[in-house]
Protein backbone atom coordinates (compact mmCIF):
# COMPACT_ATOMS: atom_id res chain seq x y z
CA MET A 1 -3.39 0.13 27.15
CA GLY A 2 -3.91 -0.36 23.44
CA GLU A 3 -2.23 -2.78 21.07
CA SER A 4 1.44 -2.20 20.33
CA TYR A 5 2.39 -2.72 16.69
CA LYS A 6 5.87 -3.62 15.47
CA ASN A 7 5.39 -4.02 11.69
CA ILE A 8 2.93 -1.79 9.89
CA LEU A 9 2.06 -2.18 6.23
CA VAL A 10 0.52 0.70 4.32
CA ALA A 11 -0.74 0.25 0.77
CA VAL A 12 -0.40 3.24 -1.56
CA ASP A 13 -1.72 3.80 -5.08
CA GLY A 14 -1.37 7.54 -5.59
CA SER A 15 -4.95 8.32 -4.59
CA ASP A 16 -5.82 10.93 -1.96
CA GLN A 17 -7.16 8.09 0.20
CA SER A 18 -3.88 6.19 0.13
CA GLU A 19 -1.90 9.34 0.91
CA LYS A 20 -4.09 9.89 3.98
CA ALA A 21 -3.49 6.25 4.93
CA PHE A 22 0.26 6.79 4.48
CA GLN A 23 0.21 9.81 6.81
CA GLU A 24 -1.80 7.86 9.41
CA ALA A 25 0.61 4.92 9.16
CA ILE A 26 3.53 7.28 9.80
CA LYS A 27 1.86 8.54 13.00
CA ILE A 28 1.17 5.01 14.23
CA ALA A 29 4.66 3.75 13.35
CA LYS A 30 6.26 6.67 15.16
CA ARG A 31 4.02 6.25 18.23
CA ASN A 32 4.81 2.50 18.42
CA ASP A 33 8.47 2.70 17.32
CA ALA A 34 7.42 0.26 14.60
CA ALA A 35 8.87 -0.58 11.21
CA LEU A 36 6.85 0.93 8.36
CA HIS A 37 6.44 -1.15 5.20
CA VAL A 38 5.12 0.84 2.24
CA LEU A 39 3.69 -1.22 -0.62
CA SER A 40 2.71 -0.16 -4.12
CA VAL A 41 1.26 -2.76 -6.46
CA ILE A 42 1.30 -2.32 -10.21
CA GLU A 43 -1.66 -4.34 -11.36
CA GLU A 44 -0.79 -6.94 -13.96
CA MET A 45 -2.54 -6.36 -17.26
CA GLY A 46 -2.44 -9.99 -18.31
CA ASN A 47 -1.98 -11.03 -21.92
CA TYR A 48 -5.15 -9.34 -23.14
CA PHE A 49 -3.52 -7.05 -25.64
CA GLY A 50 -2.00 -9.39 -28.22
CA GLU A 51 0.38 -7.35 -30.36
CA LEU A 52 0.40 -4.56 -27.81
CA THR A 53 2.10 -6.83 -25.27
CA MET A 54 5.60 -5.54 -26.14
CA SER A 55 4.61 -1.90 -25.71
CA MET A 56 2.70 -2.82 -22.54
CA GLY A 57 5.94 -4.28 -21.14
CA THR A 58 7.67 -0.96 -21.75
CA LEU A 59 4.76 0.90 -20.16
CA MET A 60 4.88 -1.38 -17.11
CA GLU A 61 8.61 -0.75 -16.69
CA ASP A 62 8.03 3.01 -17.00
CA LEU A 63 5.32 2.76 -14.34
CA ARG A 64 7.67 0.80 -12.08
CA THR A 65 10.48 3.35 -12.51
CA ARG A 66 8.14 6.22 -11.70
CA GLU A 67 6.67 4.40 -8.71
CA GLU A 68 10.13 3.54 -7.35
CA GLU A 69 10.98 7.27 -7.44
CA GLU A 70 7.77 8.09 -5.57
CA MET A 71 8.60 5.40 -3.01
CA LYS A 72 11.99 7.03 -2.37
CA GLU A 73 10.13 10.27 -1.64
CA ARG A 74 7.73 8.45 0.71
CA GLU A 75 10.64 6.81 2.50
CA SER A 76 12.35 10.19 3.00
CA LYS A 77 9.10 11.73 4.21
CA ALA A 78 8.54 8.98 6.80
CA LEU A 79 12.14 9.16 8.04
CA GLU A 80 11.93 12.97 8.30
CA GLN A 81 8.77 12.60 10.40
CA GLY A 82 10.52 10.30 12.88
CA VAL A 83 9.88 6.74 11.71
CA SER A 84 13.00 4.73 12.53
CA GLN A 85 12.70 1.95 9.92
CA VAL A 86 11.07 2.26 6.50
CA PHE A 87 10.94 -0.45 3.85
CA THR A 88 9.44 0.12 0.41
CA TYR A 89 8.18 -2.43 -2.10
CA VAL A 90 6.98 -2.05 -5.67
CA MET A 91 5.43 -5.28 -6.88
CA TYR A 92 3.52 -6.56 -9.88
CA GLY A 93 0.33 -8.48 -9.23
CA TYR A 94 -3.16 -8.12 -7.87
CA PRO A 95 -3.35 -5.53 -5.09
CA LYS A 96 -5.97 -7.20 -2.93
CA THR A 97 -4.12 -10.50 -2.63
CA LEU A 98 -0.63 -9.01 -2.32
CA ILE A 99 -1.77 -6.70 0.47
CA ALA A 100 -3.79 -9.31 2.38
CA ASP A 101 -1.09 -11.99 2.09
CA PHE A 102 1.99 -9.75 2.35
CA THR A 103 5.05 -11.89 3.11
CA GLU A 104 7.98 -9.70 2.05
CA SER A 105 8.89 -8.53 5.55
CA LYS A 106 11.13 -10.62 7.80
CA GLU A 107 8.60 -10.45 10.64
CA PRO A 108 4.83 -10.75 10.27
CA ILE A 109 2.79 -7.63 9.64
CA ASP A 110 0.54 -6.90 12.62
CA LEU A 111 -1.31 -3.86 11.24
CA ILE A 112 -2.37 -2.97 7.71
CA VAL A 113 -3.33 0.65 7.06
CA ILE A 114 -5.35 1.18 3.90
CA GLY A 115 -7.56 3.85 2.38
CA ARG A 116 -11.29 3.22 2.13
CA THR A 117 -11.15 3.38 -1.65
CA GLY A 118 -8.47 3.64 -4.30
CA LEU A 119 -8.16 5.18 -7.73
CA ASN A 120 -11.05 3.22 -9.24
CA GLY A 121 -13.99 5.62 -9.71
CA PHE A 122 -16.68 3.00 -9.13
CA GLU A 123 -15.05 1.93 -5.87
CA ARG A 124 -15.33 5.49 -4.56
CA LEU A 125 -19.07 4.94 -4.18
CA MET A 126 -18.56 2.30 -1.48
CA VAL A 127 -15.83 0.59 0.47
CA GLY A 128 -13.42 -0.45 -2.27
CA SER A 129 -13.23 -4.08 -3.31
CA THR A 130 -9.51 -4.18 -2.47
CA THR A 131 -10.13 -2.81 1.03
CA SER A 132 -13.06 -5.15 1.57
CA TYR A 133 -10.98 -8.14 0.45
CA VAL A 134 -8.08 -7.20 2.74
CA VAL A 135 -10.37 -6.76 5.76
CA ASN A 136 -11.90 -10.19 5.18
CA HIS A 137 -8.78 -12.18 4.22
CA THR A 138 -5.80 -11.02 6.27
CA LYS A 139 -4.67 -12.25 9.67
CA ALA A 140 -3.41 -8.79 10.66
CA ASN A 141 -5.48 -6.02 12.19
CA VAL A 142 -6.67 -3.52 9.58
CA LEU A 143 -7.16 0.21 9.94
CA VAL A 144 -9.33 1.67 7.17
CA VAL A 145 -8.68 5.38 6.78
CA ASN A 146 -11.77 7.29 5.75
CA ASN A 147 -11.54 10.42 3.61
CA VAL A 148 -14.87 11.75 4.88
CA VAL A 149 -14.51 14.35 7.64
């Protein structure tokens, strides 16, 4: 019999790939009666913009508010499809490290579900740098969801 997972993390960024990963994570969580942890990372812009920093702060808060609304929708969707426990997280930082080293859940994550590539156009040409980093740096098993049929 295959591995039984109890805590599944899925990373979402609004791309088609991440939505496919989200749907796959729902199926696996339901099949394993596992908790589903849905993570969205708003990448930090750093202090590269000088005088624009104040308006960037407002933009970042707007992004967070919008993403929190989308996470509520994802939570509802997962619950409607039969997942018993859903936790959502919107965090600021660097996606690859926050996904690979995710520590927000009470119990360790034993499966990470991630799309092959994200929103970055260059990354669509190959396995994305975030996905590659996660595969090579996490202790959890990783399922890479491919968009190619």
